Amino acid sequence: MFLVTDYNVRALLAILTIFGRSLQLHVHMYPLRVLFHIGRYISMLGSAIARPEKNIMYYRETIRQMYDIGIGSLPIVFLISIFIGAVAALQFAFQLDGTLVPIYYIGYIVRDFAIIEASPTITCLVLAGKVGSNLASEIGGMRQKEHIDAMEIMGVNTAAYLIAPKLVAALVVIPMLVALSAFISIYGGYLAVVPTGWLSDPEYALGVRSFFNPHNFRLMFVKAVTFSFILTSVSCYQGYYVKSGSIELGKASTNAVVFSNVLILLADYFIAVLLT
């Protein structure tokens, strides 16, 4: 016969606690973790957009971030853009060879492919690796060295001071890089098919000027602004809340790139559904 004693009750509670923790670990851990990170991410953004204490400090930091993000990313943007346009032009030229489709359509296809999809999406995916990991490492290093804690003790809104200039700089500079990438991609397509004899200079120019739709430019800039916000804010979040240790800093940099890329691709799909 089972006797209800204080020892039995404590043993039962211990068993239920272990079972509940195990169940939570396997069933409820990931949904709760996702909700936790979403809430903390929104809270961080709320603090980041607060009114600055000294405008001149934020202005200088924003200019520095514009230089680092913009000028520092020009070589990689130029390199990937010219090859995107070149490969796209050669592939489409091969596909249209021997068909009834006019050959000047190559310029038209390369132009729309670069403006609508390749330049905003691929450029921001690459920048998530270059800029995003750098932002996560920079802020994460400050967190681990307790620089952020020291600024908070002095009454500085660290989220606003460290994150807001990076957000503003990215929202201004990255759309410029995307527009430059689209132009370079079109020129890369020209270099790939005109000198090699696939089509003449007037034919490629005719294709680039044909069937132009201004909505495509609006779509490109909507994607560029959305993607730049995602890659910057997610990377700053990963660095801002990093734990101590070099391994954790490496994980934060990796998570910044992975999560930014996944969210950029999801946003790309939803923008395409809503605006096309």
C-alpha atoms as a PDB file:
ATOM      1  CA  MET A   1       0.000   0.000   0.000  1.00  0.00           C
ATOM      2  CA  PHE A   2       1.316   3.401  -1.026  1.00  0.00           C
ATOM      3  CA  LEU A   3       1.703   5.768   1.908  1.00  0.00           C
ATOM      4  CA  VAL A   4       1.540   9.500   1.335  1.00  0.00           C
ATOM      5  CA  THR A   5       4.549  10.830   3.153  1.00  0.00           C
ATOM      6  CA  ASP A   6       6.614  13.961   2.850  1.00  0.00           C
ATOM      7  CA  TYR A   7       9.456  11.955   1.315  1.00  0.00           C
ATOM      8  CA  ASN A   8       7.169  10.390  -1.312  1.00  0.00           C
ATOM      9  CA  VAL A   9       5.690  13.759  -2.241  1.00  0.00           C
ATOM     10  CA  ARG A  10       9.123  15.291  -2.723  1.00  0.00           C
ATOM     11  CA  ALA A  11      10.254  12.310  -4.757  1.00  0.00           C
ATOM     12  CA  LEU A  12       7.163  12.564  -6.962  1.00  0.00           C
ATOM     13  CA  LEU A  13       7.685  16.285  -7.464  1.00  0.00           C
ATOM     14  CA  ALA A  14      11.306  15.654  -8.419  1.00  0.00           C
ATOM     15  CA  ILE A  15      10.264  13.040 -10.976  1.00  0.00           C
ATOM     16  CA  LEU A  16       7.610  15.346 -12.436  1.00  0.00           C
ATOM     17  CA  THR A  17      10.116  18.203 -12.594  1.00  0.00           C
ATOM     18  CA  ILE A  18      12.650  16.093 -14.465  1.00  0.00           C
ATOM     19  CA  PHE A  19       9.932  14.829 -16.818  1.00  0.00           C
ATOM     20  CA  GLY A  20       8.622  18.349 -17.382  1.00  0.00           C
ATOM     21  CA  ARG A  21      12.071  19.717 -18.144  1.00  0.00           C
ATOM     22  CA  SER A  22      12.710  16.857 -20.555  1.00  0.00           C
ATOM     23  CA  LEU A  23       9.362  17.449 -22.239  1.00  0.00           C
ATOM     24  CA  GLN A  24      10.030  21.173 -22.461  1.00  0.00           C
ATOM     25  CA  LEU A  25      13.472  20.520 -23.897  1.00  0.00           C
ATOM     26  CA  HIS A  26      12.127  18.381 -26.714  1.00  0.00           C
ATOM     27  CA  VAL A  27       8.739  19.981 -27.437  1.00  0.00           C
ATOM     28  CA  HIS A  28       8.515  23.550 -26.197  1.00  0.00           C
ATOM     29  CA  MET A  29      12.118  24.670 -26.293  1.00  0.00           C
ATOM     30  CA  TYR A  30      12.318  25.942 -29.863  1.00  0.00           C
ATOM     31  CA  PRO A  31       8.924  27.741 -30.047  1.00  0.00           C
ATOM     32  CA  LEU A  32       9.621  29.501 -26.753  1.00  0.00           C
ATOM     33  CA  ARG A  33      13.136  30.340 -27.845  1.00  0.00           C
ATOM     34  CA  VAL A  34      11.861  31.846 -31.095  1.00  0.00           C
ATOM     35  CA  LEU A  35       9.294  33.978 -29.256  1.00  0.00           C
ATOM     36  CA  PHE A  36      11.943  35.063 -26.765  1.00  0.00           C
ATOM     37  CA  HIS A  37      14.329  36.202 -29.488  1.00  0.00           C
ATOM     38  CA  ILE A  38      11.550  37.978 -31.406  1.00  0.00           C
ATOM     39  CA  GLY A  39      10.530  39.907 -28.293  1.00  0.00           C
ATOM     40  CA  ARG A  40      14.112  40.821 -27.405  1.00  0.00           C
ATOM     41  CA  TYR A  41      14.800  41.829 -31.017  1.00  0.00           C
ATOM     42  CA  ILE A  42      11.790  44.180 -31.041  1.00  0.00           C
ATOM     43  CA  SER A  43      12.810  45.594 -27.666  1.00  0.00           C
ATOM     44  CA  MET A  44      16.326  46.260 -28.972  1.00  0.00           C
ATOM     45  CA  LEU A  45      14.949  48.066 -32.025  1.00  0.00           C
ATOM     46  CA  GLY A  46      12.713  50.166 -29.793  1.00  0.00           C
ATOM     47  CA  SER A  47      15.735  51.276 -27.792  1.00  0.00           C
ATOM     48  CA  ALA A  48      17.797  51.802 -30.948  1.00  0.00           C
ATOM     49  CA  ILE A  49      15.395  54.321 -32.497  1.00  0.00           C
ATOM     50  CA  ALA A  50      15.223  56.453 -29.349  1.00  0.00           C
ATOM     51  CA  ARG A  51      16.144  60.100 -29.576  1.00  0.00           C
ATOM     52  CA  PRO A  52      19.958  60.519 -29.438  1.00  0.00           C
ATOM     53  CA  GLU A  53      21.641  62.331 -26.583  1.00  0.00           C
ATOM     54  CA  LYS A  54      24.136  64.207 -28.796  1.00  0.00           C
ATOM     55  CA  ASN A  55      23.405  64.475 -32.493  1.00  0.00           C
ATOM     56  CA  ILE A  56      27.021  65.200 -33.425  1.00  0.00           C
ATOM     57  CA  MET A  57      28.187  61.861 -31.980  1.00  0.00           C
ATOM     58  CA  TYR A  58      25.601  59.956 -33.981  1.00  0.00           C
ATOM     59  CA  TYR A  59      26.399  61.946 -37.118  1.00  0.00           C
ATOM     60  CA  ARG A  60      30.100  61.102 -36.969  1.00  0.00           C
ATOM     61  CA  GLU A  61      29.428  57.436 -36.315  1.00  0.00           C
ATOM     62  CA  THR A  62      26.903  57.303 -39.170  1.00  0.00           C
ATOM     63  CA  ILE A  63      29.406  58.818 -41.608  1.00  0.00           C
ATOM     64  CA  ARG A  64      32.042  56.293 -40.494  1.00  0.00           C
ATOM     65  CA  GLN A  65      29.640  53.415 -40.989  1.00  0.00           C
ATOM     66  CA  MET A  66      28.649  54.724 -44.429  1.00  0.00           C
ATOM     67  CA  TYR A  67      32.280  54.698 -45.437  1.00  0.00           C
ATOM     68  CA  ASP A  68      32.912  51.224 -44.049  1.00  0.00           C
ATOM     69  CA  ILE A  69      29.784  49.683 -45.546  1.00  0.00           C
ATOM     70  CA  GLY A  70      29.800  51.577 -48.836  1.00  0.00           C
ATOM     71  CA  ILE A  71      33.401  52.127 -49.874  1.00  0.00           C
ATOM     72  CA  GLY A  72      34.558  48.940 -48.199  1.00  0.00           C
ATOM     73  CA  SER A  73      32.040  46.854 -50.155  1.00  0.00           C
ATOM     74  CA  LEU A  74      32.644  48.365 -53.597  1.00  0.00           C
ATOM     75  CA  PRO A  75      35.237  45.793 -54.802  1.00  0.00           C
ATOM     76  CA  ILE A  76      33.136  42.737 -53.951  1.00  0.00           C
ATOM     77  CA  VAL A  77      29.964  44.334 -55.350  1.00  0.00           C
ATOM     78  CA  PHE A  78      31.747  45.205 -58.594  1.00  0.00           C
ATOM     79  CA  LEU A  79      33.186  41.701 -58.921  1.00  0.00           C
ATOM     80  CA  ILE A  80      29.981  39.760 -58.356  1.00  0.00           C
ATOM     81  CA  SER A  81      27.881  42.163 -60.428  1.00  0.00           C
ATOM     82  CA  ILE A  82      29.971  42.022 -63.572  1.00  0.00           C
ATOM     83  CA  PHE A  83      30.019  38.223 -63.489  1.00  0.00           C
ATOM     84  CA  ILE A  84      26.280  38.031 -62.794  1.00  0.00           C
ATOM     85  CA  GLY A  85      25.580  40.047 -65.929  1.00  0.00           C
ATOM     86  CA  ALA A  86      28.156  38.193 -68.015  1.00  0.00           C
ATOM     87  CA  VAL A  87      26.959  34.719 -67.082  1.00  0.00           C
ATOM     88  CA  ALA A  88      23.289  35.649 -67.465  1.00  0.00           C
ATOM     89  CA  ALA A  89      23.906  37.119 -70.927  1.00  0.00           C
ATOM     90  CA  LEU A  90      25.851  34.070 -72.123  1.00  0.00           C
ATOM     91  CA  GLN A  91      23.270  31.640 -70.779  1.00  0.00           C
ATOM     92  CA  PHE A  92      20.365  33.471 -72.375  1.00  0.00           C
ATOM     93  CA  ALA A  93      22.266  33.836 -75.645  1.00  0.00           C
ATOM     94  CA  PHE A  94      22.804  30.079 -75.702  1.00  0.00           C
ATOM     95  CA  GLN A  95      19.135  29.404 -74.938  1.00  0.00           C
ATOM     96  CA  LEU A  96      17.866  31.811 -77.621  1.00  0.00           C
ATOM     97  CA  ASP A  97      20.242  30.585 -80.291  1.00  0.00           C
ATOM     98  CA  GLY A  98      18.292  29.005 -83.146  1.00  0.00           C
ATOM     99  CA  THR A  99      14.870  30.058 -81.834  1.00  0.00           C
ATOM    100  CA  LEU A 100      12.340  32.511 -83.230  1.00  0.00           C
ATOM    101  CA  VAL A 101      12.896  34.935 -80.344  1.00  0.00           C
ATOM    102  CA  PRO A 102      14.730  38.075 -81.513  1.00  0.00           C
ATOM    103  CA  ILE A 103      18.354  38.085 -80.441  1.00  0.00           C
ATOM    104  CA  TYR A 104      18.131  41.602 -78.984  1.00  0.00           C
ATOM    105  CA  TYR A 105      15.941  40.148 -76.213  1.00  0.00           C
ATOM    106  CA  ILE A 106      19.198  39.230 -74.484  1.00  0.00           C
ATOM    107  CA  GLY A 107      19.677  42.844 -73.400  1.00  0.00           C
ATOM    108  CA  TYR A 108      16.063  43.088 -72.254  1.00  0.00           C
ATOM    109  CA  ILE A 109      16.292  39.876 -70.194  1.00  0.00           C
ATOM    110  CA  VAL A 110      19.627  40.767 -68.613  1.00  0.00           C
ATOM    111  CA  ARG A 111      18.342  44.221 -67.670  1.00  0.00           C
ATOM    112  CA  ASP A 112      15.187  42.964 -65.949  1.00  0.00           C
ATOM    113  CA  PHE A 113      16.979  40.025 -64.337  1.00  0.00           C
ATOM    114  CA  ALA A 114      19.580  42.354 -62.848  1.00  0.00           C
ATOM    115  CA  ILE A 115      17.126  45.014 -61.694  1.00  0.00           C
ATOM    116  CA  ILE A 116      14.372  42.806 -60.303  1.00  0.00           C
ATOM    117  CA  GLU A 117      16.235  39.908 -58.717  1.00  0.00           C
ATOM    118  CA  ALA A 118      19.981  39.499 -59.138  1.00  0.00           C
ATOM    119  CA  SER A 119      21.288  42.865 -57.958  1.00  0.00           C
ATOM    120  CA  PRO A 120      19.132  43.385 -54.829  1.00  0.00           C
ATOM    121  CA  THR A 121      19.040  39.766 -53.671  1.00  0.00           C
ATOM    122  CA  ILE A 122      22.502  38.443 -54.487  1.00  0.00           C
ATOM    123  CA  THR A 123      24.227  41.686 -53.499  1.00  0.00           C
ATOM    124  CA  CYS A 124      22.511  41.732 -50.105  1.00  0.00           C
ATOM    125  CA  LEU A 125      23.213  38.034 -49.557  1.00  0.00           C
ATOM    126  CA  VAL A 126      26.894  38.710 -50.145  1.00  0.00           C
ATOM    127  CA  LEU A 127      26.819  41.828 -47.966  1.00  0.00           C
ATOM    128  CA  ALA A 128      25.205  39.797 -45.189  1.00  0.00           C
ATOM    129  CA  GLY A 129      28.370  37.723 -45.179  1.00  0.00           C
ATOM    130  CA  LYS A 130      30.763  40.646 -45.349  1.00  0.00           C
ATOM    131  CA  VAL A 131      29.001  43.462 -43.501  1.00  0.00           C
ATOM    132  CA  GLY A 132      26.813  41.344 -41.235  1.00  0.00           C
ATOM    133  CA  SER A 133      29.617  39.264 -39.771  1.00  0.00           C
ATOM    134  CA  ASN A 134      31.692  42.411 -39.278  1.00  0.00           C
ATOM    135  CA  LEU A 135      28.888  44.172 -37.380  1.00  0.00           C
ATOM    136  CA  ALA A 136      28.248  41.149 -35.177  1.00  0.00           C
ATOM    137  CA  SER A 137      31.953  40.800 -34.387  1.00  0.00           C
ATOM    138  CA  GLU A 138      32.387  44.517 -33.685  1.00  0.00           C
ATOM    139  CA  ILE A 139      29.470  44.812 -31.274  1.00  0.00           C
ATOM    140  CA  GLY A 140      30.071  41.365 -29.801  1.00  0.00           C
ATOM    141  CA  GLY A 141      33.680  42.242 -29.039  1.00  0.00           C
ATOM    142  CA  MET A 142      32.535  45.356 -27.216  1.00  0.00           C
ATOM    143  CA  ARG A 143      30.048  43.299 -25.220  1.00  0.00           C
ATOM    144  CA  GLN A 144      32.659  40.743 -24.200  1.00  0.00           C
ATOM    145  CA  LYS A 145      35.210  43.406 -23.237  1.00  0.00           C
ATOM    146  CA  GLU A 146      32.490  45.081 -21.121  1.00  0.00           C
ATOM    147  CA  HIS A 147      32.657  48.323 -23.080  1.00  0.00           C
ATOM    148  CA  ILE A 148      28.875  48.252 -23.456  1.00  0.00           C
ATOM    149  CA  ASP A 149      28.415  47.710 -19.716  1.00  0.00           C
ATOM    150  CA  ALA A 150      30.697  50.665 -18.993  1.00  0.00           C
ATOM    151  CA  MET A 151      28.708  52.929 -21.324  1.00  0.00           C
ATOM    152  CA  GLU A 152      25.433  51.819 -19.738  1.00  0.00           C
ATOM    153  CA  ILE A 153      26.804  52.698 -16.301  1.00  0.00           C
ATOM    154  CA  MET A 154      27.558  56.196 -17.628  1.00  0.00           C
ATOM    155  CA  GLY A 155      23.933  56.504 -18.735  1.00  0.00           C
ATOM    156  CA  VAL A 156      24.481  56.029 -22.477  1.00  0.00           C
ATOM    157  CA  ASN A 157      21.733  54.363 -24.489  1.00  0.00           C
ATOM    158  CA  THR A 158      24.047  51.753 -25.975  1.00  0.00           C
ATOM    159  CA  ALA A 159      21.470  50.267 -28.333  1.00  0.00           C
ATOM    160  CA  ALA A 160      20.864  53.669 -29.894  1.00  0.00           C
ATOM    161  CA  TYR A 161      24.528  54.666 -30.017  1.00  0.00           C
ATOM    162  CA  LEU A 162      25.824  51.378 -31.424  1.00  0.00           C
ATOM    163  CA  ILE A 163      22.928  50.234 -33.636  1.00  0.00           C
ATOM    164  CA  ALA A 164      21.087  53.330 -34.913  1.00  0.00           C
ATOM    165  CA  PRO A 165      24.059  54.756 -36.910  1.00  0.00           C
ATOM    166  CA  LYS A 166      24.637  51.365 -38.515  1.00  0.00           C
ATOM    167  CA  LEU A 167      20.972  51.073 -39.479  1.00  0.00           C
ATOM    168  CA  VAL A 168      20.864  54.569 -40.965  1.00  0.00           C
ATOM    169  CA  ALA A 169      24.126  54.044 -42.837  1.00  0.00           C
ATOM    170  CA  ALA A 170      22.985  50.719 -44.265  1.00  0.00           C
ATOM    171  CA  LEU A 171      19.572  52.063 -45.316  1.00  0.00           C
ATOM    172  CA  VAL A 172      21.287  54.886 -47.209  1.00  0.00           C
ATOM    173  CA  VAL A 173      24.335  53.157 -48.681  1.00  0.00           C
ATOM    174  CA  ILE A 174      23.172  49.634 -49.541  1.00  0.00           C
ATOM    175  CA  PRO A 175      20.398  50.782 -51.959  1.00  0.00           C
ATOM    176  CA  MET A 176      23.102  52.832 -53.714  1.00  0.00           C
ATOM    177  CA  LEU A 177      25.267  49.724 -53.969  1.00  0.00           C
ATOM    178  CA  VAL A 178      22.313  47.763 -55.362  1.00  0.00           C
ATOM    179  CA  ALA A 179      21.636  50.404 -58.020  1.00  0.00           C
ATOM    180  CA  LEU A 180      25.331  50.424 -58.938  1.00  0.00           C
ATOM    181  CA  SER A 181      25.271  46.619 -59.059  1.00  0.00           C
ATOM    182  CA  ALA A 182      22.382  46.657 -61.539  1.00  0.00           C
ATOM    183  CA  PHE A 183      24.257  49.041 -63.852  1.00  0.00           C
ATOM    184  CA  ILE A 184      27.456  46.985 -63.640  1.00  0.00           C
ATOM    185  CA  SER A 185      25.537  43.759 -64.319  1.00  0.00           C
ATOM    186  CA  ILE A 186      24.037  45.203 -67.498  1.00  0.00           C
ATOM    187  CA  TYR A 187      27.478  46.331 -68.583  1.00  0.00           C
ATOM    188  CA  GLY A 188      28.881  42.899 -67.721  1.00  0.00           C
ATOM    189  CA  GLY A 189      26.310  41.344 -70.033  1.00  0.00           C
ATOM    190  CA  TYR A 190      27.429  43.733 -72.753  1.00  0.00           C
ATOM    191  CA  LEU A 191      31.066  42.692 -72.337  1.00  0.00           C
ATOM    192  CA  ALA A 192      30.119  39.019 -72.501  1.00  0.00           C
ATOM    193  CA  VAL A 193      28.052  38.996 -75.712  1.00  0.00           C
ATOM    194  CA  VAL A 194      28.988  41.998 -77.839  1.00  0.00           C
ATOM    195  CA  PRO A 195      32.793  41.562 -78.173  1.00  0.00           C
ATOM    196  CA  THR A 196      32.339  37.809 -78.632  1.00  0.00           C
ATOM    197  CA  GLY A 197      29.976  38.283 -81.585  1.00  0.00           C
ATOM    198  CA  TRP A 198      26.719  36.947 -80.180  1.00  0.00           C
ATOM    199  CA  LEU A 199      25.023  40.221 -81.128  1.00  0.00           C
ATOM    200  CA  SER A 200      25.991  43.725 -82.159  1.00  0.00           C
ATOM    201  CA  ASP A 201      26.234  46.847 -80.068  1.00  0.00           C
ATOM    202  CA  PRO A 202      22.986  48.390 -81.451  1.00  0.00           C
ATOM    203  CA  GLU A 203      21.092  45.139 -80.842  1.00  0.00           C
ATOM    204  CA  TYR A 204      22.147  44.931 -77.198  1.00  0.00           C
ATOM    205  CA  ALA A 205      21.335  48.618 -76.665  1.00  0.00           C
ATOM    206  CA  LEU A 206      17.925  48.081 -78.285  1.00  0.00           C
ATOM    207  CA  GLY A 207      17.212  45.211 -75.916  1.00  0.00           C
ATOM    208  CA  VAL A 208      18.233  47.236 -72.857  1.00  0.00           C
ATOM    209  CA  ARG A 209      15.885  50.064 -73.899  1.00  0.00           C
ATOM    210  CA  SER A 210      12.953  47.830 -74.864  1.00  0.00           C
ATOM    211  CA  PHE A 211       9.851  47.147 -72.713  1.00  0.00           C
ATOM    212  CA  PHE A 212      11.065  49.280 -69.835  1.00  0.00           C
ATOM    213  CA  ASN A 213       8.765  49.299 -66.788  1.00  0.00           C
ATOM    214  CA  PRO A 214       9.487  51.885 -64.043  1.00  0.00           C
ATOM    215  CA  HIS A 215       7.801  49.598 -61.506  1.00  0.00           C
ATOM    216  CA  ASN A 216      10.863  47.343 -61.677  1.00  0.00           C
ATOM    217  CA  PHE A 217      13.032  50.124 -60.269  1.00  0.00           C
ATOM    218  CA  ARG A 218      10.607  50.665 -57.402  1.00  0.00           C
ATOM    219  CA  LEU A 219      10.648  46.939 -56.727  1.00  0.00           C
ATOM    220  CA  MET A 220      14.442  46.936 -56.695  1.00  0.00           C
ATOM    221  CA  PHE A 221      14.661  49.734 -54.139  1.00  0.00           C
ATOM    222  CA  VAL A 222      11.945  48.214 -51.936  1.00  0.00           C
ATOM    223  CA  LYS A 223      13.962  45.002 -51.834  1.00  0.00           C
ATOM    224  CA  ALA A 224      17.211  46.865 -51.226  1.00  0.00           C
ATOM    225  CA  VAL A 225      15.827  48.843 -48.270  1.00  0.00           C
ATOM    226  CA  THR A 226      14.135  45.784 -46.758  1.00  0.00           C
ATOM    227  CA  PHE A 227      17.166  43.545 -47.138  1.00  0.00           C
ATOM    228  CA  SER A 228      19.562  46.173 -45.801  1.00  0.00           C
ATOM    229  CA  PHE A 229      17.398  46.599 -42.699  1.00  0.00           C
ATOM    230  CA  ILE A 230      17.260  42.846 -42.158  1.00  0.00           C
ATOM    231  CA  LEU A 231      20.974  42.159 -42.531  1.00  0.00           C
ATOM    232  CA  THR A 232      21.970  45.105 -40.337  1.00  0.00           C
ATOM    233  CA  SER A 233      19.467  44.686 -37.514  1.00  0.00           C
ATOM    234  CA  VAL A 234      19.832  40.899 -37.273  1.00  0.00           C
ATOM    235  CA  SER A 235      23.637  41.144 -37.238  1.00  0.00           C
ATOM    236  CA  CYS A 236      23.596  43.861 -34.585  1.00  0.00           C
ATOM    237  CA  TYR A 237      21.191  41.781 -32.502  1.00  0.00           C
ATOM    238  CA  GLN A 238      23.475  38.757 -32.625  1.00  0.00           C
ATOM    239  CA  GLY A 239      26.458  40.838 -31.543  1.00  0.00           C
ATOM    240  CA  TYR A 240      24.633  42.915 -28.934  1.00  0.00           C
ATOM    241  CA  TYR A 241      23.478  39.914 -26.919  1.00  0.00           C
ATOM    242  CA  VAL A 242      26.521  37.683 -27.377  1.00  0.00           C
ATOM    243  CA  LYS A 243      27.766  35.743 -24.368  1.00  0.00           C
ATOM    244  CA  SER A 244      31.329  35.626 -23.124  1.00  0.00           C
ATOM    245  CA  GLY A 245      33.932  33.515 -24.891  1.00  0.00           C
ATOM    246  CA  SER A 246      35.541  33.448 -28.306  1.00  0.00           C
ATOM    247  CA  ILE A 247      33.418  30.441 -29.323  1.00  0.00           C
ATOM    248  CA  GLU A 248      30.220  32.378 -28.602  1.00  0.00           C
ATOM    249  CA  LEU A 249      31.498  35.307 -30.644  1.00  0.00           C
ATOM    250  CA  GLY A 250      32.183  32.985 -33.555  1.00  0.00           C
ATOM    251  CA  LYS A 251      28.690  31.519 -33.227  1.00  0.00           C
ATOM    252  CA  ALA A 252      27.186  35.001 -33.167  1.00  0.00           C
ATOM    253  CA  SER A 253      28.995  35.950 -36.386  1.00  0.00           C
ATOM    254  CA  THR A 254      27.881  32.723 -38.053  1.00  0.00           C
ATOM    255  CA  ASN A 255      24.292  33.121 -36.870  1.00  0.00           C
ATOM    256  CA  ALA A 256      24.257  36.698 -38.120  1.00  0.00           C
ATOM    257  CA  VAL A 257      25.081  35.528 -41.652  1.00  0.00           C
ATOM    258  CA  VAL A 258      22.813  32.469 -41.642  1.00  0.00           C
ATOM    259  CA  PHE A 259      19.738  34.137 -40.141  1.00  0.00           C
ATOM    260  CA  SER A 260      20.156  37.233 -42.315  1.00  0.00           C
ATOM    261  CA  ASN A 261      20.338  35.128 -45.476  1.00  0.00           C
ATOM    262  CA  VAL A 262      17.296  33.066 -44.533  1.00  0.00           C
ATOM    263  CA  LEU A 263      15.234  36.150 -43.672  1.00  0.00           C
ATOM    264  CA  ILE A 264      16.349  37.923 -46.844  1.00  0.00           C
ATOM    265  CA  LEU A 265      15.158  34.992 -48.964  1.00  0.00           C
ATOM    266  CA  LEU A 266      11.839  34.876 -47.100  1.00  0.00           C
ATOM    267  CA  ALA A 267      11.386  38.619 -47.524  1.00  0.00           C
ATOM    268  CA  ASP A 268      12.267  38.290 -51.207  1.00  0.00           C
ATOM    269  CA  TYR A 269       9.449  35.793 -51.666  1.00  0.00           C
ATOM    270  CA  PHE A 270       6.852  37.884 -49.825  1.00  0.00           C
ATOM    271  CA  ILE A 271       7.828  41.071 -51.683  1.00  0.00           C
ATOM    272  CA  ALA A 272       7.498  39.205 -54.981  1.00  0.00           C
ATOM    273  CA  VAL A 273       4.035  37.966 -53.960  1.00  0.00           C
ATOM    274  CA  LEU A 274       2.840  41.390 -52.821  1.00  0.00           C
ATOM    275  CA  LEU A 275       4.356  43.664 -55.493  1.00  0.00           C
ATOM    276  CA  THR A 276       4.286  41.599 -58.686  1.00  0.00           C
END
